């Protein structure tokens, strides 16, 4: 388990984008090729035509100055769900299930960071301070280095509360009180959200 100081250090903004991924604010060509290959492999195994891919984006902390040893590669595959079927909710559910199984079955690392794929409908908004188009090899949202203000005392209080609540859920479960466990976990989830 990570030490509290390691976790705090992970929130320190870096002066540069991660050097194993970026050169002069452009995605490394080998990394880019590997990301595209991962997407093609995912769609080949899925059995869905790849022409529906509108874009492939890299987002999250590795597309920003907030990367750390805890980062992963957030790879978004942008698709028009209506190109696949008019029932877009069903398409989303299918992609979510396939994505979950894919991420679970594949432990793909690039430069020591795990790749997590997410299929995003092109009409779905995605708010991030750094979004890079892998297909177009250009920034959609170029990150700006900005130091966050973090109230560590408040963070520690919330973490303590969360530990207590998850401990309570575990005790309920251990006692065989599954309905109360479920309801308690739903409350925790809603509070976190």
C-alpha atoms as a PDB file:
ATOM      1  CA  UNK A   1       0.000   0.000   0.000  1.00  0.00           C
ATOM      2  CA  UNK A   2       1.233   3.483  -0.850  1.00  0.00           C
ATOM      3  CA  UNK A   3       2.488   5.720   1.906  1.00  0.00           C
ATOM      4  CA  UNK A   4       0.544   8.958   2.651  1.00  0.00           C
ATOM      5  CA  UNK A   5       3.544  11.076   1.609  1.00  0.00           C
ATOM      6  CA  UNK A   6       3.795   9.158  -1.698  1.00  0.00           C
ATOM      7  CA  UNK A   7       0.119   9.829  -2.332  1.00  0.00           C
ATOM      8  CA  UNK A   8       0.482  13.511  -1.467  1.00  0.00           C
ATOM      9  CA  UNK A   9       3.517  13.753  -3.731  1.00  0.00           C
ATOM     10  CA  UNK A  10       1.422  12.376  -6.587  1.00  0.00           C
ATOM     11  CA  UNK A  11      -0.679  15.558  -6.502  1.00  0.00           C
ATOM     12  CA  UNK A  12       2.314  17.834  -7.043  1.00  0.00           C
ATOM     13  CA  UNK A  13       2.181  19.314 -10.520  1.00  0.00           C
ATOM     14  CA  UNK A  14       5.180  18.488 -12.691  1.00  0.00           C
ATOM     15  CA  UNK A  15       7.063  21.071 -14.689  1.00  0.00           C
ATOM     16  CA  UNK A  16       6.795  18.998 -17.875  1.00  0.00           C
ATOM     17  CA  UNK A  17       4.610  16.411 -19.502  1.00  0.00           C
ATOM     18  CA  UNK A  18       5.926  12.866 -18.945  1.00  0.00           C
ATOM     19  CA  UNK A  19       9.106  12.532 -21.036  1.00  0.00           C
ATOM     20  CA  UNK A  20       8.386   8.886 -21.969  1.00  0.00           C
ATOM     21  CA  UNK A  21       5.224  10.036 -23.761  1.00  0.00           C
ATOM     22  CA  UNK A  22       5.845  13.568 -24.995  1.00  0.00           C
ATOM     23  CA  UNK A  23       8.472  15.442 -26.966  1.00  0.00           C
ATOM     24  CA  UNK A  24       7.839  19.146 -27.543  1.00  0.00           C
ATOM     25  CA  UNK A  25       4.154  18.640 -26.603  1.00  0.00           C
ATOM     26  CA  UNK A  26       3.735  15.957 -29.288  1.00  0.00           C
ATOM     27  CA  UNK A  27       2.919  12.348 -28.468  1.00  0.00           C
ATOM     28  CA  UNK A  28       5.853   9.972 -28.992  1.00  0.00           C
ATOM     29  CA  UNK A  29       5.374   8.206 -32.346  1.00  0.00           C
ATOM     30  CA  UNK A  30       6.012   4.723 -30.913  1.00  0.00           C
ATOM     31  CA  UNK A  31       3.500   5.308 -28.111  1.00  0.00           C
ATOM     32  CA  UNK A  32       1.006   6.615 -30.660  1.00  0.00           C
ATOM     33  CA  UNK A  33       1.402   3.513 -32.878  1.00  0.00           C
ATOM     34  CA  UNK A  34       0.978   1.211 -29.887  1.00  0.00           C
ATOM     35  CA  UNK A  35      -2.195   3.001 -28.765  1.00  0.00           C
ATOM     36  CA  UNK A  36      -3.722   2.719 -32.240  1.00  0.00           C
ATOM     37  CA  UNK A  37      -2.771  -0.984 -32.353  1.00  0.00           C
ATOM     38  CA  UNK A  38      -4.514  -1.542 -29.000  1.00  0.00           C
ATOM     39  CA  UNK A  39      -7.710   0.082 -30.309  1.00  0.00           C
ATOM     40  CA  UNK A  40      -7.628  -1.952 -33.531  1.00  0.00           C
ATOM     41  CA  UNK A  41      -7.092  -5.149 -31.543  1.00  0.00           C
ATOM     42  CA  UNK A  42      -9.990  -4.275 -29.239  1.00  0.00           C
ATOM     43  CA  UNK A  43     -12.343  -3.716 -32.187  1.00  0.00           C
ATOM     44  CA  UNK A  44     -11.102  -6.827 -34.028  1.00  0.00           C
ATOM     45  CA  UNK A  45     -11.996  -8.931 -30.982  1.00  0.00           C
ATOM     46  CA  UNK A  46     -15.293  -7.093 -30.555  1.00  0.00           C
ATOM     47  CA  UNK A  47     -16.586  -7.821 -34.042  1.00  0.00           C
ATOM     48  CA  UNK A  48     -17.683  -4.211 -34.680  1.00  0.00           C
ATOM     49  CA  UNK A  49     -16.616  -2.388 -37.804  1.00  0.00           C
ATOM     50  CA  UNK A  50     -13.719  -0.016 -37.071  1.00  0.00           C
ATOM     51  CA  UNK A  51     -15.043   2.586 -39.505  1.00  0.00           C
ATOM     52  CA  UNK A  52     -17.257   3.776 -36.651  1.00  0.00           C
ATOM     53  CA  UNK A  53     -14.224   5.179 -34.806  1.00  0.00           C
ATOM     54  CA  UNK A  54     -14.357   8.971 -34.974  1.00  0.00           C
ATOM     55  CA  UNK A  55     -11.259   9.614 -32.870  1.00  0.00           C
ATOM     56  CA  UNK A  56      -8.941   8.086 -30.310  1.00  0.00           C
ATOM     57  CA  UNK A  57      -7.990  10.395 -27.474  1.00  0.00           C
ATOM     58  CA  UNK A  58      -5.476  10.289 -24.665  1.00  0.00           C
ATOM     59  CA  UNK A  59      -6.708  12.098 -21.576  1.00  0.00           C
ATOM     60  CA  UNK A  60      -6.176  12.152 -17.824  1.00  0.00           C
ATOM     61  CA  UNK A  61      -3.015  12.774 -15.868  1.00  0.00           C
ATOM     62  CA  UNK A  62      -0.615  11.490 -18.563  1.00  0.00           C
ATOM     63  CA  UNK A  63      -2.048  14.121 -20.899  1.00  0.00           C
ATOM     64  CA  UNK A  64      -1.377  16.707 -18.259  1.00  0.00           C
ATOM     65  CA  UNK A  65       1.155  17.953 -15.740  1.00  0.00           C
ATOM     66  CA  UNK A  66      -0.447  15.918 -12.948  1.00  0.00           C
ATOM     67  CA  UNK A  67       1.058  12.522 -13.856  1.00  0.00           C
ATOM     68  CA  UNK A  68       2.546  10.353 -11.136  1.00  0.00           C
ATOM     69  CA  UNK A  69       3.557   6.772 -10.454  1.00  0.00           C
ATOM     70  CA  UNK A  70      -0.158   6.116  -9.819  1.00  0.00           C
ATOM     71  CA  UNK A  71      -1.227   7.276 -13.298  1.00  0.00           C
ATOM     72  CA  UNK A  72      -2.678   5.079 -15.988  1.00  0.00           C
ATOM     73  CA  UNK A  73      -3.178   5.680 -19.694  1.00  0.00           C
ATOM     74  CA  UNK A  74      -6.755   6.844 -20.235  1.00  0.00           C
ATOM     75  CA  UNK A  75      -7.467   5.898 -23.831  1.00  0.00           C
ATOM     76  CA  UNK A  76     -10.879   7.031 -25.089  1.00  0.00           C
ATOM     77  CA  UNK A  77     -12.286   5.599 -28.302  1.00  0.00           C
ATOM     78  CA  UNK A  78     -14.805   8.045 -29.740  1.00  0.00           C
ATOM     79  CA  UNK A  79     -17.675   6.365 -31.595  1.00  0.00           C
ATOM     80  CA  UNK A  80     -21.088   7.442 -32.874  1.00  0.00           C
ATOM     81  CA  UNK A  81     -23.263   4.910 -31.067  1.00  0.00           C
ATOM     82  CA  UNK A  82     -26.090   5.508 -33.575  1.00  0.00           C
ATOM     83  CA  UNK A  83     -23.800   4.183 -36.355  1.00  0.00           C
ATOM     84  CA  UNK A  84     -23.947   0.815 -34.598  1.00  0.00           C
ATOM     85  CA  UNK A  85     -27.612   0.747 -33.535  1.00  0.00           C
ATOM     86  CA  UNK A  86     -30.470   3.184 -32.904  1.00  0.00           C
ATOM     87  CA  UNK A  87     -30.751   1.853 -29.355  1.00  0.00           C
ATOM     88  CA  UNK A  88     -27.798   3.864 -28.029  1.00  0.00           C
ATOM     89  CA  UNK A  89     -28.385   2.746 -24.426  1.00  0.00           C
ATOM     90  CA  UNK A  90     -27.964  -0.871 -25.526  1.00  0.00           C
ATOM     91  CA  UNK A  91     -24.807   0.067 -27.454  1.00  0.00           C
ATOM     92  CA  UNK A  92     -23.410   1.823 -24.366  1.00  0.00           C
ATOM     93  CA  UNK A  93     -24.167  -1.206 -22.189  1.00  0.00           C
ATOM     94  CA  UNK A  94     -22.504  -3.508 -24.727  1.00  0.00           C
ATOM     95  CA  UNK A  95     -19.400  -1.327 -24.925  1.00  0.00           C
ATOM     96  CA  UNK A  96     -19.226  -0.970 -21.131  1.00  0.00           C
ATOM     97  CA  UNK A  97     -19.401  -4.754 -20.707  1.00  0.00           C
ATOM     98  CA  UNK A  98     -16.837  -5.416 -23.449  1.00  0.00           C
ATOM     99  CA  UNK A  99     -14.549  -2.690 -22.107  1.00  0.00           C
ATOM    100  CA  UNK A 100     -14.734  -4.115 -18.597  1.00  0.00           C
ATOM    101  CA  UNK A 101     -13.887  -7.607 -19.855  1.00  0.00           C
ATOM    102  CA  UNK A 102     -11.107  -6.266 -22.074  1.00  0.00           C
ATOM    103  CA  UNK A 103      -9.483  -4.226 -19.298  1.00  0.00           C
ATOM    104  CA  UNK A 104      -9.777  -7.198 -16.942  1.00  0.00           C
ATOM    105  CA  UNK A 105      -8.279  -9.697 -19.421  1.00  0.00           C
ATOM    106  CA  UNK A 106      -5.487  -7.482 -20.760  1.00  0.00           C
ATOM    107  CA  UNK A 107      -2.706  -6.106 -18.629  1.00  0.00           C
ATOM    108  CA  UNK A 108      -1.199  -3.846 -21.271  1.00  0.00           C
ATOM    109  CA  UNK A 109       1.579  -1.544 -20.139  1.00  0.00           C
ATOM    110  CA  UNK A 110       3.268   1.225 -22.077  1.00  0.00           C
ATOM    111  CA  UNK A 111       6.359   2.658 -20.416  1.00  0.00           C
ATOM    112  CA  UNK A 112       5.265   1.061 -17.161  1.00  0.00           C
ATOM    113  CA  UNK A 113       1.728   2.537 -17.169  1.00  0.00           C
ATOM    114  CA  UNK A 114      -1.408   0.432 -17.555  1.00  0.00           C
ATOM    115  CA  UNK A 115      -3.705   1.177 -20.489  1.00  0.00           C
ATOM    116  CA  UNK A 116      -7.393   1.638 -19.615  1.00  0.00           C
ATOM    117  CA  UNK A 117      -9.764   1.924 -22.553  1.00  0.00           C
ATOM    118  CA  UNK A 118     -13.117   3.680 -22.511  1.00  0.00           C
ATOM    119  CA  UNK A 119     -15.603   3.840 -25.390  1.00  0.00           C
ATOM    120  CA  UNK A 120     -17.180   7.278 -25.546  1.00  0.00           C
ATOM    121  CA  UNK A 121     -20.167   8.289 -27.662  1.00  0.00           C
ATOM    122  CA  UNK A 122     -19.233  11.285 -29.799  1.00  0.00           C
ATOM    123  CA  UNK A 123     -22.194  13.192 -28.321  1.00  0.00           C
ATOM    124  CA  UNK A 124     -20.936  12.591 -24.755  1.00  0.00           C
ATOM    125  CA  UNK A 125     -19.085  15.547 -23.313  1.00  0.00           C
ATOM    126  CA  UNK A 126     -15.735  14.906 -21.678  1.00  0.00           C
ATOM    127  CA  UNK A 127     -14.325  17.598 -19.439  1.00  0.00           C
ATOM    128  CA  UNK A 128     -10.572  17.418 -19.004  1.00  0.00           C
ATOM    129  CA  UNK A 129      -7.747  19.916 -18.933  1.00  0.00           C
ATOM    130  CA  UNK A 130      -5.725  17.764 -21.337  1.00  0.00           C
ATOM    131  CA  UNK A 131      -7.124  15.851 -24.329  1.00  0.00           C
ATOM    132  CA  UNK A 132      -4.896  14.696 -27.178  1.00  0.00           C
ATOM    133  CA  UNK A 133      -6.206  13.303 -30.477  1.00  0.00           C
ATOM    134  CA  UNK A 134      -4.134  10.194 -31.173  1.00  0.00           C
ATOM    135  CA  UNK A 135      -5.663   9.906 -34.660  1.00  0.00           C
ATOM    136  CA  UNK A 136      -4.929  13.517 -35.644  1.00  0.00           C
ATOM    137  CA  UNK A 137      -1.718  13.770 -33.597  1.00  0.00           C
ATOM    138  CA  UNK A 138      -2.766  17.105 -32.122  1.00  0.00           C
ATOM    139  CA  UNK A 139      -4.171  18.606 -28.934  1.00  0.00           C
ATOM    140  CA  UNK A 140      -7.935  19.029 -28.652  1.00  0.00           C
ATOM    141  CA  UNK A 141      -7.427  20.632 -25.243  1.00  0.00           C
ATOM    142  CA  UNK A 142      -3.834  21.554 -24.495  1.00  0.00           C
ATOM    143  CA  UNK A 143      -3.033  21.394 -20.780  1.00  0.00           C
ATOM    144  CA  UNK A 144      -1.803  24.367 -18.812  1.00  0.00           C
ATOM    145  CA  UNK A 145       0.338  23.935 -15.745  1.00  0.00           C
ATOM    146  CA  UNK A 146      -1.576  25.093 -12.713  1.00  0.00           C
ATOM    147  CA  UNK A 147      -0.864  24.231  -9.077  1.00  0.00           C
ATOM    148  CA  UNK A 148      -4.004  23.018  -7.273  1.00  0.00           C
ATOM    149  CA  UNK A 149      -4.925  24.176  -3.807  1.00  0.00           C
ATOM    150  CA  UNK A 150      -5.508  21.063  -1.704  1.00  0.00           C
ATOM    151  CA  UNK A 151      -6.911  21.175   1.829  1.00  0.00           C
ATOM    152  CA  UNK A 152      -5.043  18.117   3.171  1.00  0.00           C
ATOM    153  CA  UNK A 153      -6.714  18.291   6.584  1.00  0.00           C
ATOM    154  CA  UNK A 154     -10.150  18.041   4.954  1.00  0.00           C
ATOM    155  CA  UNK A 155      -8.943  15.261   2.630  1.00  0.00           C
ATOM    156  CA  UNK A 156      -7.725  13.249   5.627  1.00  0.00           C
ATOM    157  CA  UNK A 157     -11.095  13.718   7.393  1.00  0.00           C
ATOM    158  CA  UNK A 158     -12.960  12.453   4.333  1.00  0.00           C
ATOM    159  CA  UNK A 159     -10.612   9.490   3.938  1.00  0.00           C
ATOM    160  CA  UNK A 160     -11.114   8.635   7.619  1.00  0.00           C
ATOM    161  CA  UNK A 161     -14.896   8.816   7.182  1.00  0.00           C
ATOM    162  CA  UNK A 162     -14.711   6.604   4.091  1.00  0.00           C
ATOM    163  CA  UNK A 163     -12.554   4.021   5.905  1.00  0.00           C
ATOM    164  CA  UNK A 164     -15.048   3.928   8.770  1.00  0.00           C
ATOM    165  CA  UNK A 165     -18.001   3.520   6.424  1.00  0.00           C
ATOM    166  CA  UNK A 166     -16.379   0.770   4.360  1.00  0.00           C
ATOM    167  CA  UNK A 167     -15.389  -0.983   7.592  1.00  0.00           C
ATOM    168  CA  UNK A 168     -19.015  -0.826   8.707  1.00  0.00           C
ATOM    169  CA  UNK A 169     -20.152  -2.261   5.366  1.00  0.00           C
ATOM    170  CA  UNK A 170     -17.646  -5.096   5.765  1.00  0.00           C
ATOM    171  CA  UNK A 171     -18.934  -5.864   9.277  1.00  0.00           C
ATOM    172  CA  UNK A 172     -22.534  -5.908   8.030  1.00  0.00           C
ATOM    173  CA  UNK A 173     -21.506  -8.282   5.249  1.00  0.00           C
ATOM    174  CA  UNK A 174     -19.545 -10.518   7.637  1.00  0.00           C
ATOM    175  CA  UNK A 175     -22.632 -10.696   9.877  1.00  0.00           C
ATOM    176  CA  UNK A 176     -24.688 -11.906   6.899  1.00  0.00           C
ATOM    177  CA  UNK A 177     -26.815  -8.765   6.795  1.00  0.00           C
ATOM    178  CA  UNK A 178     -26.683  -8.480   3.005  1.00  0.00           C
ATOM    179  CA  UNK A 179     -29.659  -6.133   2.512  1.00  0.00           C
ATOM    180  CA  UNK A 180     -28.231  -3.576   4.984  1.00  0.00           C
ATOM    181  CA  UNK A 181     -24.795  -4.048   3.417  1.00  0.00           C
ATOM    182  CA  UNK A 182     -26.212  -3.260  -0.024  1.00  0.00           C
ATOM    183  CA  UNK A 183     -28.110  -0.193   1.211  1.00  0.00           C
ATOM    184  CA  UNK A 184     -25.064   1.058   3.120  1.00  0.00           C
ATOM    185  CA  UNK A 185     -22.799   0.657   0.096  1.00  0.00           C
ATOM    186  CA  UNK A 186     -25.305   2.554  -2.076  1.00  0.00           C
ATOM    187  CA  UNK A 187     -25.254   5.430   0.463  1.00  0.00           C
ATOM    188  CA  UNK A 188     -21.444   5.435   0.435  1.00  0.00           C
ATOM    189  CA  UNK A 189     -21.425   5.464  -3.369  1.00  0.00           C
ATOM    190  CA  UNK A 190     -23.902   8.359  -3.469  1.00  0.00           C
ATOM    191  CA  UNK A 191     -21.864  10.310  -0.915  1.00  0.00           C
ATOM    192  CA  UNK A 192     -18.674   9.775  -2.916  1.00  0.00           C
ATOM    193  CA  UNK A 193     -20.431  10.861  -6.098  1.00  0.00           C
END
